[in-house]
Amino acid sequence: MALTAAVLAGLITGIGVGVFRVHPLIMTLGMSFVVLGLANVWQLQMVQTGAGTPPALRTLGSGLLFDVVPYSLLIFIPVMLLILVGLRRTGYGRLLYAIGDNPIAARLSGHGPGRSWSSCT
């Protein structure tokens, strides 16, 4: 279903840009608003009817462990630690933290391609 919607949105955007010569930025922005509106309508319908969400996901998204700790927090903390610790231990992660993955800033700071961060400390 989602793949079909994405293909349809891409096809309409492609026709607008290729055939009708609408600027790609304007066409993409307009299509994103249409898709966002349709997604909001669909989500509102699912919330009002209570359909479409399996009970396990509903519990995971809004349930509480011992009526205190949200289940979503139990998923967020390991993912957060994996991202923070994992990125700090890789060269790409250190590059991303230090300069925001900006190649111009890396070149200007002397940390361009081919130069490792460990040689700079």
PDB file of N, CA and C in Angstrom:
ATOM      1  N   MET A   1       0.827  -1.191   0.000  1.00  0.00           N
ATOM      2  CA  MET A   1       0.000   0.000   0.000  1.00  0.00           C
ATOM      3  C   MET A   1       0.881   1.267   0.000  1.00  0.00           C
ATOM      4  N   ALA A   2       1.873   1.287   0.889  1.00  0.00           N
ATOM      5  CA  ALA A   2       2.743   2.461   0.976  1.00  0.00           C
ATOM      6  C   ALA A   2       3.581   2.601  -0.288  1.00  0.00           C
ATOM      7  N   LEU A   3       4.038   1.479  -0.838  1.00  0.00           N
ATOM      8  CA  LEU A   3       4.825   1.530  -2.064  1.00  0.00           C
ATOM      9  C   LEU A   3       3.987   2.052  -3.226  1.00  0.00           C
ATOM     10  N   THR A   4       2.735   1.637  -3.275  1.00  0.00           N
ATOM     11  CA  THR A   4       1.834   2.115  -4.317  1.00  0.00           C
ATOM     12  C   THR A   4       1.613   3.617  -4.197  1.00  0.00           C
ATOM     13  N   ALA A   5       1.421   4.104  -2.976  1.00  0.00           N
ATOM     14  CA  ALA A   5       1.232   5.542  -2.767  1.00  0.00           C
ATOM     15  C   ALA A   5       2.488   6.324  -3.158  1.00  0.00           C
ATOM     16  N   ALA A   6       3.657   5.785  -2.838  1.00  0.00           N
ATOM     17  CA  ALA A   6       4.905   6.466  -3.183  1.00  0.00           C
ATOM     18  C   ALA A   6       5.118   6.497  -4.694  1.00  0.00           C
ATOM     19  N   VAL A   7       4.804   5.392  -5.365  1.00  0.00           N
ATOM     20  CA  VAL A   7       4.932   5.348  -6.819  1.00  0.00           C
ATOM     21  C   VAL A   7       3.968   6.335  -7.468  1.00  0.00           C
ATOM     22  N   LEU A   8       2.744   6.403  -6.964  1.00  0.00           N
ATOM     23  CA  LEU A   8       1.750   7.332  -7.507  1.00  0.00           C
ATOM     24  C   LEU A   8       2.185   8.785  -7.305  1.00  0.00           C
ATOM     25  N   ALA A   9       2.692   9.112  -6.119  1.00  0.00           N
ATOM     26  CA  ALA A   9       3.166  10.477  -5.860  1.00  0.00           C
ATOM     27  C   ALA A   9       4.355  10.809  -6.756  1.00  0.00           C
ATOM     28  N   GLY A  10       5.270   9.864  -6.947  1.00  0.00           N
ATOM     29  CA  GLY A  10       6.410  10.090  -7.821  1.00  0.00           C
ATOM     30  C   GLY A  10       6.000  10.251  -9.276  1.00  0.00           C
ATOM     31  N   LEU A  11       5.017   9.469  -9.693  1.00  0.00           N
ATOM     32  CA  LEU A  11       4.528   9.561 -11.068  1.00  0.00           C
ATOM     33  C   LEU A  11       3.870  10.917 -11.326  1.00  0.00           C
ATOM     34  N   ILE A  12       3.048  11.350 -10.397  1.00  0.00           N
ATOM     35  CA  ILE A  12       2.398  12.655 -10.547  1.00  0.00           C
ATOM     36  C   ILE A  12       3.436  13.776 -10.543  1.00  0.00           C
ATOM     37  N   THR A  13       4.412  13.681  -9.648  1.00  0.00           N
ATOM     38  CA  THR A  13       5.475  14.693  -9.603  1.00  0.00           C
ATOM     39  C   THR A  13       6.277  14.689 -10.903  1.00  0.00           C
ATOM     40  N   GLY A  14       6.603  13.513 -11.396  1.00  0.00           N
ATOM     41  CA  GLY A  14       7.347  13.405 -12.643  1.00  0.00           C
ATOM     42  C   GLY A  14       6.582  13.976 -13.824  1.00  0.00           C
ATOM     43  N   ILE A  15       5.282  13.739 -13.890  1.00  0.00           N
ATOM     44  CA  ILE A  15       4.467  14.301 -14.965  1.00  0.00           C
ATOM     45  C   ILE A  15       4.414  15.816 -14.857  1.00  0.00           C
ATOM     46  N   GLY A  16       4.249  16.313 -13.630  1.00  0.00           N
ATOM     47  CA  GLY A  16       4.207  17.765 -13.435  1.00  0.00           C
ATOM     48  C   GLY A  16       5.497  18.440 -13.855  1.00  0.00           C
ATOM     49  N   VAL A  17       6.631  17.806 -13.542  1.00  0.00           N
ATOM     50  CA  VAL A  17       7.928  18.400 -13.883  1.00  0.00           C
ATOM     51  C   VAL A  17       8.258  18.187 -15.357  1.00  0.00           C
ATOM     52  N   GLY A  18       8.063  16.966 -15.848  1.00  0.00           N
ATOM     53  CA  GLY A  18       8.478  16.643 -17.205  1.00  0.00           C
ATOM     54  C   GLY A  18       7.546  17.157 -18.279  1.00  0.00           C
ATOM     55  N   VAL A  19       6.244  17.043 -18.053  1.00  0.00           N
ATOM     56  CA  VAL A  19       5.283  17.405 -19.090  1.00  0.00           C
ATOM     57  C   VAL A  19       4.846  18.863 -18.966  1.00  0.00           C
ATOM     58  N   PHE A  20       4.473  19.252 -17.767  1.00  0.00           N
ATOM     59  CA  PHE A  20       3.923  20.594 -17.578  1.00  0.00           C
ATOM     60  C   PHE A  20       4.975  21.642 -17.204  1.00  0.00           C
ATOM     61  N   ARG A  21       6.238  21.226 -17.102  1.00  0.00           N
ATOM     62  CA  ARG A  21       7.365  22.124 -16.844  1.00  0.00           C
ATOM     63  C   ARG A  21       7.225  22.944 -15.561  1.00  0.00           C
ATOM     64  N   VAL A  22       6.661  22.338 -14.527  1.00  0.00           N
ATOM     65  CA  VAL A  22       6.618  22.977 -13.211  1.00  0.00           C
ATOM     66  C   VAL A  22       8.002  22.817 -12.590  1.00  0.00           C
ATOM     67  N   HIS A  23       8.486  23.829 -11.908  1.00  0.00           N
ATOM     68  CA  HIS A  23       9.805  23.763 -11.285  1.00  0.00           C
ATOM     69  C   HIS A  23       9.822  22.573 -10.311  1.00  0.00           C
ATOM     70  N   PRO A  24      10.886  21.755 -10.321  1.00  0.00           N
ATOM     71  CA  PRO A  24      10.928  20.558  -9.467  1.00  0.00           C
ATOM     72  C   PRO A  24      10.740  20.851  -7.978  1.00  0.00           C
ATOM     73  N   LEU A  25      11.312  21.954  -7.492  1.00  0.00           N
ATOM     74  CA  LEU A  25      11.155  22.289  -6.077  1.00  0.00           C
ATOM     75  C   LEU A  25       9.697  22.578  -5.741  1.00  0.00           C
ATOM     76  N   ILE A  26       9.030  23.348  -6.589  1.00  0.00           N
ATOM     77  CA  ILE A  26       7.633  23.691  -6.353  1.00  0.00           C
ATOM     78  C   ILE A  26       6.751  22.448  -6.443  1.00  0.00           C
ATOM     79  N   MET A  27       7.006  21.606  -7.420  1.00  0.00           N
ATOM     80  CA  MET A  27       6.200  20.391  -7.588  1.00  0.00           C
ATOM     81  C   MET A  27       6.402  19.440  -6.412  1.00  0.00           C
ATOM     82  N   THR A  28       7.633  19.283  -5.979  1.00  0.00           N
ATOM     83  CA  THR A  28       7.911  18.397  -4.844  1.00  0.00           C
ATOM     84  C   THR A  28       7.285  18.937  -3.567  1.00  0.00           C
ATOM     85  N   LEU A  29       7.403  20.240  -3.350  1.00  0.00           N
ATOM     86  CA  LEU A  29       6.809  20.845  -2.161  1.00  0.00           C
ATOM     87  C   LEU A  29       5.288  20.704  -2.187  1.00  0.00           C
ATOM     88  N   GLY A  30       4.680  20.974  -3.331  1.00  0.00           N
ATOM     89  CA  GLY A  30       3.229  20.827  -3.440  1.00  0.00           C
ATOM     90  C   GLY A  30       2.781  19.397  -3.210  1.00  0.00           C
ATOM     91  N   MET A  31       3.488  18.438  -3.794  1.00  0.00           N
ATOM     92  CA  MET A  31       3.125  17.035  -3.611  1.00  0.00           C
ATOM     93  C   MET A  31       3.325  16.599  -2.167  1.00  0.00           C
ATOM     94  N   SER A  32       4.340  17.141  -1.514  1.00  0.00           N
ATOM     95  CA  SER A  32       4.541  16.780  -0.107  1.00  0.00           C
ATOM     96  C   SER A  32       3.382  17.263   0.753  1.00  0.00           C
ATOM     97  N   PHE A  33       2.833  18.437   0.437  1.00  0.00           N
ATOM     98  CA  PHE A  33       1.667  18.923   1.189  1.00  0.00           C
ATOM     99  C   PHE A  33       0.439  18.054   0.925  1.00  0.00           C
ATOM    100  N   VAL A  34       0.258  17.612  -0.299  1.00  0.00           N
ATOM    101  CA  VAL A  34      -0.866  16.735  -0.619  1.00  0.00           C
ATOM    102  C   VAL A  34      -0.731  15.415   0.135  1.00  0.00           C
ATOM    103  N   VAL A  35       0.457  14.822   0.098  1.00  0.00           N
ATOM    104  CA  VAL A  35       0.680  13.547   0.779  1.00  0.00           C
ATOM    105  C   VAL A  35       0.538  13.714   2.291  1.00  0.00           C
ATOM    106  N   LEU A  36       1.038  14.818   2.838  1.00  0.00           N
ATOM    107  CA  LEU A  36       0.898  15.069   4.274  1.00  0.00           C
ATOM    108  C   LEU A  36      -0.570  15.198   4.663  1.00  0.00           C
ATOM    109  N   GLY A  37      -1.343  15.886   3.858  1.00  0.00           N
ATOM    110  CA  GLY A  37      -2.775  16.017   4.139  1.00  0.00           C
ATOM    111  C   GLY A  37      -3.487  14.681   4.089  1.00  0.00           C
ATOM    112  N   LEU A  38      -3.176  13.867   3.081  1.00  0.00           N
ATOM    113  CA  LEU A  38      -3.802  12.545   2.987  1.00  0.00           C
ATOM    114  C   LEU A  38      -3.386  11.652   4.162  1.00  0.00           C
ATOM    115  N   ALA A  39      -2.136  11.751   4.567  1.00  0.00           N
ATOM    116  CA  ALA A  39      -1.673  10.953   5.703  1.00  0.00           C
ATOM    117  C   ALA A  39      -2.373  11.383   6.994  1.00  0.00           C
ATOM    118  N   ASN A  40      -2.596  12.680   7.154  1.00  0.00           N
ATOM    119  CA  ASN A  40      -3.302  13.160   8.347  1.00  0.00           C
ATOM    120  C   ASN A  40      -4.743  12.668   8.374  1.00  0.00           C
ATOM    121  N   VAL A  41      -5.409  12.695   7.224  1.00  0.00           N
ATOM    122  CA  VAL A  41      -6.787  12.200   7.156  1.00  0.00           C
ATOM    123  C   VAL A  41      -6.829  10.715   7.478  1.00  0.00           C
ATOM    124  N   TRP A  42      -5.904   9.942   6.889  1.00  0.00           N
ATOM    125  CA  TRP A  42      -5.864   8.507   7.151  1.00  0.00           C
ATOM    126  C   TRP A  42      -5.588   8.225   8.631  1.00  0.00           C
ATOM    127  N   GLN A  43      -4.634   8.960   9.221  1.00  0.00           N
ATOM    128  CA  GLN A  43      -4.292   8.747  10.622  1.00  0.00           C
ATOM    129  C   GLN A  43      -5.467   9.088  11.523  1.00  0.00           C
ATOM    130  N   LEU A  44      -6.152  10.182  11.244  1.00  0.00           N
ATOM    131  CA  LEU A  44      -7.310  10.562  12.047  1.00  0.00           C
ATOM    132  C   LEU A  44      -8.402   9.504  11.967  1.00  0.00           C
ATOM    133  N   GLN A  45      -8.615   8.963  10.791  1.00  0.00           N
ATOM    134  CA  GLN A  45      -9.622   7.911  10.621  1.00  0.00           C
ATOM    135  C   GLN A  45      -9.238   6.671  11.428  1.00  0.00           C
ATOM    136  N   MET A  46      -7.972   6.296  11.402  1.00  0.00           N
ATOM    137  CA  MET A  46      -7.527   5.116  12.143  1.00  0.00           C
ATOM    138  C   MET A  46      -7.635   5.331  13.654  1.00  0.00           C
ATOM    139  N   VAL A  47      -7.350   6.540  14.112  1.00  0.00           N
ATOM    140  CA  VAL A  47      -7.432   6.822  15.549  1.00  0.00           C
ATOM    141  C   VAL A  47      -8.885   6.810  16.007  1.00  0.00           C
ATOM    142  N   GLN A  48      -9.769   7.404  15.233  1.00  0.00           N
ATOM    143  CA  GLN A  48     -11.180   7.472  15.628  1.00  0.00           C
ATOM    144  C   GLN A  48     -11.840   6.108  15.632  1.00  0.00           C
ATOM    145  N   THR A  49     -11.478   5.259  14.673  1.00  0.00           N
ATOM    146  CA  THR A  49     -12.102   3.940  14.624  1.00  0.00           C
ATOM    147  C   THR A  49     -11.355   2.916  15.461  1.00  0.00           C
ATOM    148  N   GLY A  50     -10.103   3.187  15.802  1.00  0.00           N
ATOM    149  CA  GLY A  50      -9.315   2.239  16.589  1.00  0.00           C
ATOM    150  C   GLY A  50      -8.840   1.055  15.773  1.00  0.00           C
ATOM    151  N   ALA A  51      -8.980   1.140  14.460  1.00  0.00           N
ATOM    152  CA  ALA A  51      -8.577   0.033  13.589  1.00  0.00           C
ATOM    153  C   ALA A  51      -7.158   0.238  13.100  1.00  0.00           C
ATOM    154  N   GLY A  52      -6.556  -0.839  12.648  1.00  0.00           N
ATOM    155  CA  GLY A  52      -5.275  -0.728  11.972  1.00  0.00           C
ATOM    156  C   GLY A  52      -4.056  -0.835  12.859  1.00  0.00           C
ATOM    157  N   THR A  53      -4.190  -0.726  14.160  1.00  0.00           N
ATOM    158  CA  THR A  53      -3.034  -0.817  15.043  1.00  0.00           C
ATOM    159  C   THR A  53      -3.110  -2.122  15.828  1.00  0.00           C
ATOM    160  N   PRO A  54      -2.124  -2.995  15.651  1.00  0.00           N
ATOM    161  CA  PRO A  54      -2.123  -4.229  16.435  1.00  0.00           C
ATOM    162  C   PRO A  54      -1.984  -3.919  17.925  1.00  0.00           C
ATOM    163  N   PRO A  55      -2.623  -4.722  18.776  1.00  0.00           N
ATOM    164  CA  PRO A  55      -2.564  -4.455  20.224  1.00  0.00           C
ATOM    165  C   PRO A  55      -1.140  -4.398  20.780  1.00  0.00           C
ATOM    166  N   ALA A  56      -0.236  -5.211  20.243  1.00  0.00           N
ATOM    167  CA  ALA A  56       1.141  -5.201  20.744  1.00  0.00           C
ATOM    168  C   ALA A  56       1.805  -3.856  20.463  1.00  0.00           C
ATOM    169  N   LEU A  57       1.582  -3.288  19.284  1.00  0.00           N
ATOM    170  CA  LEU A  57       2.166  -1.983  18.966  1.00  0.00           C
ATOM    171  C   LEU A  57       1.504  -0.868  19.765  1.00  0.00           C
ATOM    172  N   ARG A  58       0.214  -0.990  20.010  1.00  0.00           N
ATOM    173  CA  ARG A  58      -0.479   0.016  20.805  1.00  0.00           C
ATOM    174  C   ARG A  58       0.088   0.020  22.233  1.00  0.00           C
ATOM    175  N   THR A  59       0.326  -1.166  22.795  1.00  0.00           N
ATOM    176  CA  THR A  59       0.911  -1.257  24.132  1.00  0.00           C
ATOM    177  C   THR A  59       2.327  -0.700  24.144  1.00  0.00           C
ATOM    178  N   LEU A  60       3.100  -1.049  23.122  1.00  0.00           N
ATOM    179  CA  LEU A  60       4.477  -0.585  23.036  1.00  0.00           C
ATOM    180  C   LEU A  60       4.547   0.931  22.903  1.00  0.00           C
ATOM    181  N   GLY A  61       3.628   1.522  22.164  1.00  0.00           N
ATOM    182  CA  GLY A  61       3.657   2.956  21.935  1.00  0.00           C
ATOM    183  C   GLY A  61       3.084   3.787  23.053  1.00  0.00           C
ATOM    184  N   SER A  62       2.134   3.236  23.819  1.00  0.00           N
ATOM    185  CA  SER A  62       1.481   4.061  24.846  1.00  0.00           C
ATOM    186  C   SER A  62       1.322   3.360  26.187  1.00  0.00           C
ATOM    187  N   GLY A  63       1.874   2.162  26.335  1.00  0.00           N
ATOM    188  CA  GLY A  63       1.733   1.441  27.592  1.00  0.00           C
ATOM    189  C   GLY A  63       2.797   1.828  28.611  1.00  0.00           C
ATOM    190  N   LEU A  64       2.549   1.437  29.854  1.00  0.00           N
ATOM    191  CA  LEU A  64       3.477   1.735  30.945  1.00  0.00           C
ATOM    192  C   LEU A  64       3.903   0.451  31.637  1.00  0.00           C
ATOM    193  N   LEU A  65       5.161   0.384  32.007  1.00  0.00           N
ATOM    194  CA  LEU A  65       5.683  -0.720  32.791  1.00  0.00           C
ATOM    195  C   LEU A  65       5.571  -0.344  34.258  1.00  0.00           C
ATOM    196  N   PHE A  66       4.886  -1.131  35.038  1.00  0.00           N
ATOM    197  CA  PHE A  66       4.628  -0.860  36.459  1.00  0.00           C
ATOM    198  C   PHE A  66       3.923   0.484  36.663  1.00  0.00           C
ATOM    199  N   ASP A  67       3.146   0.898  35.687  1.00  0.00           N
ATOM    200  CA  ASP A  67       2.402   2.161  35.721  1.00  0.00           C
ATOM    201  C   ASP A  67       3.296   3.382  35.923  1.00  0.00           C
ATOM    202  N   VAL A  68       4.567   3.270  35.576  1.00  0.00           N
ATOM    203  CA  VAL A  68       5.491   4.387  35.753  1.00  0.00           C
ATOM    204  C   VAL A  68       6.334   4.636  34.500  1.00  0.00           C
ATOM    205  N   VAL A  69       7.021   3.603  34.028  1.00  0.00           N
ATOM    206  CA  VAL A  69       7.993   3.756  32.939  1.00  0.00           C
ATOM    207  C   VAL A  69       7.326   3.407  31.607  1.00  0.00           C
ATOM    208  N   PRO A  70       7.353   4.321  30.645  1.00  0.00           N
ATOM    209  CA  PRO A  70       6.783   3.999  29.329  1.00  0.00           C
ATOM    210  C   PRO A  70       7.613   2.945  28.602  1.00  0.00           C
ATOM    211  N   TYR A  71       6.929   2.031  27.927  1.00  0.00           N
ATOM    212  CA  TYR A  71       7.631   1.012  27.156  1.00  0.00           C
ATOM    213  C   TYR A  71       8.488   1.642  26.060  1.00  0.00           C
ATOM    214  N   SER A  72       8.031   2.737  25.502  1.00  0.00           N
ATOM    215  CA  SER A  72       8.804   3.385  24.437  1.00  0.00           C
ATOM    216  C   SER A  72      10.162   3.865  24.948  1.00  0.00           C
ATOM    217  N   LEU A  73      10.238   4.218  26.228  1.00  0.00           N
ATOM    218  CA  LEU A  73      11.516   4.628  26.813  1.00  0.00           C
ATOM    219  C   LEU A  73      12.476   3.445  26.884  1.00  0.00           C
ATOM    220  N   LEU A  74      11.940   2.254  27.121  1.00  0.00           N
ATOM    221  CA  LEU A  74      12.779   1.062  27.171  1.00  0.00           C
ATOM    222  C   LEU A  74      13.378   0.727  25.806  1.00  0.00           C
ATOM    223  N   ILE A  75      12.769   1.207  24.753  1.00  0.00           N
ATOM    224  CA  ILE A  75      13.332   1.029  23.417  1.00  0.00           C
ATOM    225  C   ILE A  75      14.245   2.198  23.077  1.00  0.00           C
ATOM    226  N   PHE A  76      13.871   3.407  23.479  1.00  0.00           N
ATOM    227  CA  PHE A  76      14.626   4.602  23.131  1.00  0.00           C
ATOM    228  C   PHE A  76      16.023   4.602  23.741  1.00  0.00           C
ATOM    229  N   ILE A  77      16.158   4.200  24.993  1.00  0.00           N
ATOM    230  CA  ILE A  77      17.457   4.268  25.687  1.00  0.00           C
ATOM    231  C   ILE A  77      18.513   3.391  25.009  1.00  0.00           C
ATOM    232  N   PRO A  78      18.246   2.106  24.711  1.00  0.00           N
ATOM    233  CA  PRO A  78      19.282   1.326  24.011  1.00  0.00           C
ATOM    234  C   PRO A  78      19.610   1.867  22.622  1.00  0.00           C
ATOM    235  N   VAL A  79      18.603   2.347  21.901  1.00  0.00           N
ATOM    236  CA  VAL A  79      18.860   2.905  20.570  1.00  0.00           C
ATOM    237  C   VAL A  79      19.718   4.164  20.689  1.00  0.00           C
ATOM    238  N   MET A  80      19.411   5.014  21.665  1.00  0.00           N
ATOM    239  CA  MET A  80      20.179   6.232  21.886  1.00  0.00           C
ATOM    240  C   MET A  80      21.634   5.893  22.239  1.00  0.00           C
ATOM    241  N   LEU A  81      21.818   4.925  23.130  1.00  0.00           N
ATOM    242  CA  LEU A  81      23.179   4.532  23.509  1.00  0.00           C
ATOM    243  C   LEU A  81      23.943   3.949  22.326  1.00  0.00           C
ATOM    244  N   LEU A  82      23.262   3.155  21.514  1.00  0.00           N
ATOM    245  CA  LEU A  82      23.896   2.589  20.338  1.00  0.00           C
ATOM    246  C   LEU A  82      24.345   3.691  19.385  1.00  0.00           C
ATOM    247  N   ILE A  83      23.513   4.682  19.193  1.00  0.00           N
ATOM    248  CA  ILE A  83      23.864   5.774  18.290  1.00  0.00           C
ATOM    249  C   ILE A  83      25.010   6.603  18.869  1.00  0.00           C
ATOM    250  N   LEU A  84      24.892   7.000  20.118  1.00  0.00           N
ATOM    251  CA  LEU A  84      25.922   7.850  20.714  1.00  0.00           C
ATOM    252  C   LEU A  84      27.264   7.143  20.827  1.00  0.00           C
ATOM    253  N   VAL A  85      27.259   5.931  21.378  1.00  0.00           N
ATOM    254  CA  VAL A  85      28.514   5.206  21.567  1.00  0.00           C
ATOM    255  C   VAL A  85      29.057   4.730  20.226  1.00  0.00           C
ATOM    256  N   GLY A  86      28.164   4.240  19.363  1.00  0.00           N
ATOM    257  CA  GLY A  86      28.604   3.748  18.066  1.00  0.00           C
ATOM    258  C   GLY A  86      29.203   4.835  17.202  1.00  0.00           C
ATOM    259  N   LEU A  87      28.595   6.006  17.201  1.00  0.00           N
ATOM    260  CA  LEU A  87      29.124   7.087  16.374  1.00  0.00           C
ATOM    261  C   LEU A  87      30.419   7.655  16.932  1.00  0.00           C
ATOM    262  N   ARG A  88      30.575   7.647  18.232  1.00  0.00           N
ATOM    263  CA  ARG A  88      31.808   8.189  18.810  1.00  0.00           C
ATOM    264  C   ARG A  88      32.997   7.269  18.575  1.00  0.00           C
ATOM    265  N   ARG A  89      32.745   6.012  18.298  1.00  0.00           N
ATOM    266  CA  ARG A  89      33.835   5.050  18.120  1.00  0.00           C
ATOM    267  C   ARG A  89      34.216   4.840  16.658  1.00  0.00           C
ATOM    268  N   THR A  90      33.557   5.522  15.755  1.00  0.00           N
ATOM    269  CA  THR A  90      33.897   5.368  14.340  1.00  0.00           C
ATOM    270  C   THR A  90      34.457   6.682  13.806  1.00  0.00           C
ATOM    271  N   GLY A  91      35.259   6.582  12.786  1.00  0.00           N
ATOM    272  CA  GLY A  91      35.812   7.787  12.168  1.00  0.00           C
ATOM    273  C   GLY A  91      34.723   8.660  11.581  1.00  0.00           C
ATOM    274  N   TYR A  92      33.731   8.031  10.955  1.00  0.00           N
ATOM    275  CA  TYR A  92      32.627   8.804  10.384  1.00  0.00           C
ATOM    276  C   TYR A  92      31.862   9.530  11.482  1.00  0.00           C
ATOM    277  N   GLY A  93      31.626   8.860  12.600  1.00  0.00           N
ATOM    278  CA  GLY A  93      30.901   9.490  13.696  1.00  0.00           C
ATOM    279  C   GLY A  93      31.647  10.683  14.269  1.00  0.00           C
ATOM    280  N   ARG A  94      32.966  10.540  14.439  1.00  0.00           N
ATOM    281  CA  ARG A  94      33.749  11.668  14.945  1.00  0.00           C
ATOM    282  C   ARG A  94      33.738  12.814  13.957  1.00  0.00           C
ATOM    283  N   LEU A  95      33.803  12.501  12.676  1.00  0.00           N
ATOM    284  CA  LEU A  95      33.729  13.531  11.649  1.00  0.00           C
ATOM    285  C   LEU A  95      32.371  14.224  11.684  1.00  0.00           C
ATOM    286  N   LEU A  96      31.315  13.447  11.833  1.00  0.00           N
ATOM    287  CA  LEU A  96      29.968  13.998  11.865  1.00  0.00           C
ATOM    288  C   LEU A  96      29.759  14.885  13.081  1.00  0.00           C
ATOM    289  N   TYR A  97      30.244  14.462  14.249  1.00  0.00           N
ATOM    290  CA  TYR A  97      30.106  15.273  15.458  1.00  0.00           C
ATOM    291  C   TYR A  97      30.939  16.558  15.363  1.00  0.00           C
ATOM    292  N   ALA A  98      32.145  16.435  14.826  1.00  0.00           N
ATOM    293  CA  ALA A  98      33.066  17.570  14.855  1.00  0.00           C
ATOM    294  C   ALA A  98      32.668  18.673  13.887  1.00  0.00           C
ATOM    295  N   ILE A  99      32.282  18.306  12.682  1.00  0.00           N
ATOM    296  CA  ILE A  99      32.031  19.349  11.690  1.00  0.00           C
ATOM    297  C   ILE A  99      30.694  19.199  10.997  1.00  0.00           C
ATOM    298  N   GLY A 100      29.846  18.276  11.456  1.00  0.00           N
ATOM    299  CA  GLY A 100      28.537  18.134  10.855  1.00  0.00           C
ATOM    300  C   GLY A 100      28.564  17.551   9.456  1.00  0.00           C
ATOM    301  N   ASP A 101      29.578  16.781   9.136  1.00  0.00           N
ATOM    302  CA  ASP A 101      29.713  16.145   7.834  1.00  0.00           C
ATOM    303  C   ASP A 101      29.734  17.172   6.712  1.00  0.00           C
ATOM    304  N   ASN A 102      30.429  18.267   6.942  1.00  0.00           N
ATOM    305  CA  ASN A 102      30.550  19.339   5.962  1.00  0.00           C
ATOM    306  C   ASN A 102      31.939  19.256   5.342  1.00  0.00           C
ATOM    307  N   PRO A 103      32.044  18.842   4.072  1.00  0.00           N
ATOM    308  CA  PRO A 103      33.366  18.661   3.475  1.00  0.00           C
ATOM    309  C   PRO A 103      34.171  19.959   3.370  1.00  0.00           C
ATOM    310  N   ILE A 104      33.498  21.076   3.181  1.00  0.00           N
ATOM    311  CA  ILE A 104      34.221  22.350   3.093  1.00  0.00           C
ATOM    312  C   ILE A 104      34.828  22.701   4.442  1.00  0.00           C
ATOM    313  N   ALA A 105      34.054  22.512   5.516  1.00  0.00           N
ATOM    314  CA  ALA A 105      34.582  22.787   6.849  1.00  0.00           C
ATOM    315  C   ALA A 105      35.722  21.825   7.180  1.00  0.00           C
ATOM    316  N   ALA A 106      35.629  20.589   6.734  1.00  0.00           N
ATOM    317  CA  ALA A 106      36.695  19.622   6.979  1.00  0.00           C
ATOM    318  C   ALA A 106      37.972  20.051   6.278  1.00  0.00           C
ATOM    319  N   ARG A 107      37.836  20.503   5.044  1.00  0.00           N
ATOM    320  CA  ARG A 107      39.005  20.930   4.286  1.00  0.00           C
ATOM    321  C   ARG A 107      39.627  22.171   4.915  1.00  0.00           C
ATOM    322  N   LEU A 108      38.793  23.124   5.312  1.00  0.00           N
ATOM    323  CA  LEU A 108      39.305  24.362   5.896  1.00  0.00           C
ATOM    324  C   LEU A 108      39.951  24.130   7.264  1.00  0.00           C
ATOM    325  N   SER A 109      39.458  23.133   8.002  1.00  0.00           N
ATOM    326  CA  SER A 109      40.024  22.863   9.318  1.00  0.00           C
ATOM    327  C   SER A 109      41.249  21.958   9.249  1.00  0.00           C
ATOM    328  N   GLY A 110      41.584  21.490   8.041  1.00  0.00           N
ATOM    329  CA  GLY A 110      42.739  20.621   7.897  1.00  0.00           C
ATOM    330  C   GLY A 110      42.430  19.168   8.138  1.00  0.00           C
ATOM    331  N   HIS A 111      41.161  18.819   8.240  1.00  0.00           N
ATOM    332  CA  HIS A 111      40.760  17.433   8.480  1.00  0.00           C
ATOM    333  C   HIS A 111      40.083  16.874   7.251  1.00  0.00           C
ATOM    334  N   GLY A 112      40.623  17.145   6.105  1.00  0.00           N
ATOM    335  CA  GLY A 112      40.013  16.718   4.854  1.00  0.00           C
ATOM    336  C   GLY A 112      40.157  15.229   4.627  1.00  0.00           C
ATOM    337  N   PRO A 113      39.736  14.778   3.447  1.00  0.00           N
ATOM    338  CA  PRO A 113      39.807  13.351   3.118  1.00  0.00           C
ATOM    339  C   PRO A 113      41.238  12.836   3.184  1.00  0.00           C
ATOM    340  N   GLY A 114      41.384  11.613   3.695  1.00  0.00           N
ATOM    341  CA  GLY A 114      42.691  11.009   3.776  1.00  0.00           C
ATOM    342  C   GLY A 114      43.435  11.328   5.064  1.00  0.00           C
ATOM    343  N   ARG A 115      42.892  12.163   5.880  1.00  0.00           N
ATOM    344  CA  ARG A 115      43.555  12.518   7.139  1.00  0.00           C
ATOM    345  C   ARG A 115      42.689  12.018   8.276  1.00  0.00           C
ATOM    346  N   SER A 116      43.216  11.213   9.149  1.00  0.00           N
ATOM    347  CA  SER A 116      42.422  10.640  10.223  1.00  0.00           C
ATOM    348  C   SER A 116      42.382  11.575  11.416  1.00  0.00           C
ATOM    349  N   TRP A 117      41.328  11.425  12.184  1.00  0.00           N
ATOM    350  CA  TRP A 117      41.155  12.267  13.372  1.00  0.00           C
ATOM    351  C   TRP A 117      42.145  11.892  14.461  1.00  0.00           C
ATOM    352  N   SER A 118      42.569  10.626  14.488  1.00  0.00           N
ATOM    353  CA  SER A 118      43.493  10.227  15.553  1.00  0.00           C
ATOM    354  C   SER A 118      44.849  10.912  15.402  1.00  0.00           C
ATOM    355  N   SER A 119      45.217  11.303  14.176  1.00  0.00           N
ATOM    356  CA  SER A 119      46.482  11.995  13.998  1.00  0.00           C
ATOM    357  C   SER A 119      46.393  13.461  14.384  1.00  0.00           C
ATOM    358  N   CYS A 120      45.185  13.951  14.657  1.00  0.00           N
ATOM    359  CA  CYS A 120      44.997  15.374  14.967  1.00  0.00           C
ATOM    360  C   CYS A 120      44.912  15.633  16.467  1.00  0.00           C
ATOM    361  N   THR A 121      44.854  14.595  17.267  1.00  0.00           N
ATOM    362  CA  THR A 121      44.705  14.816  18.708  1.00  0.00           C
ATOM    363  C   THR A 121      46.013  14.866  19.430  1.00  0.00           C
TER     364      THR A 121
END
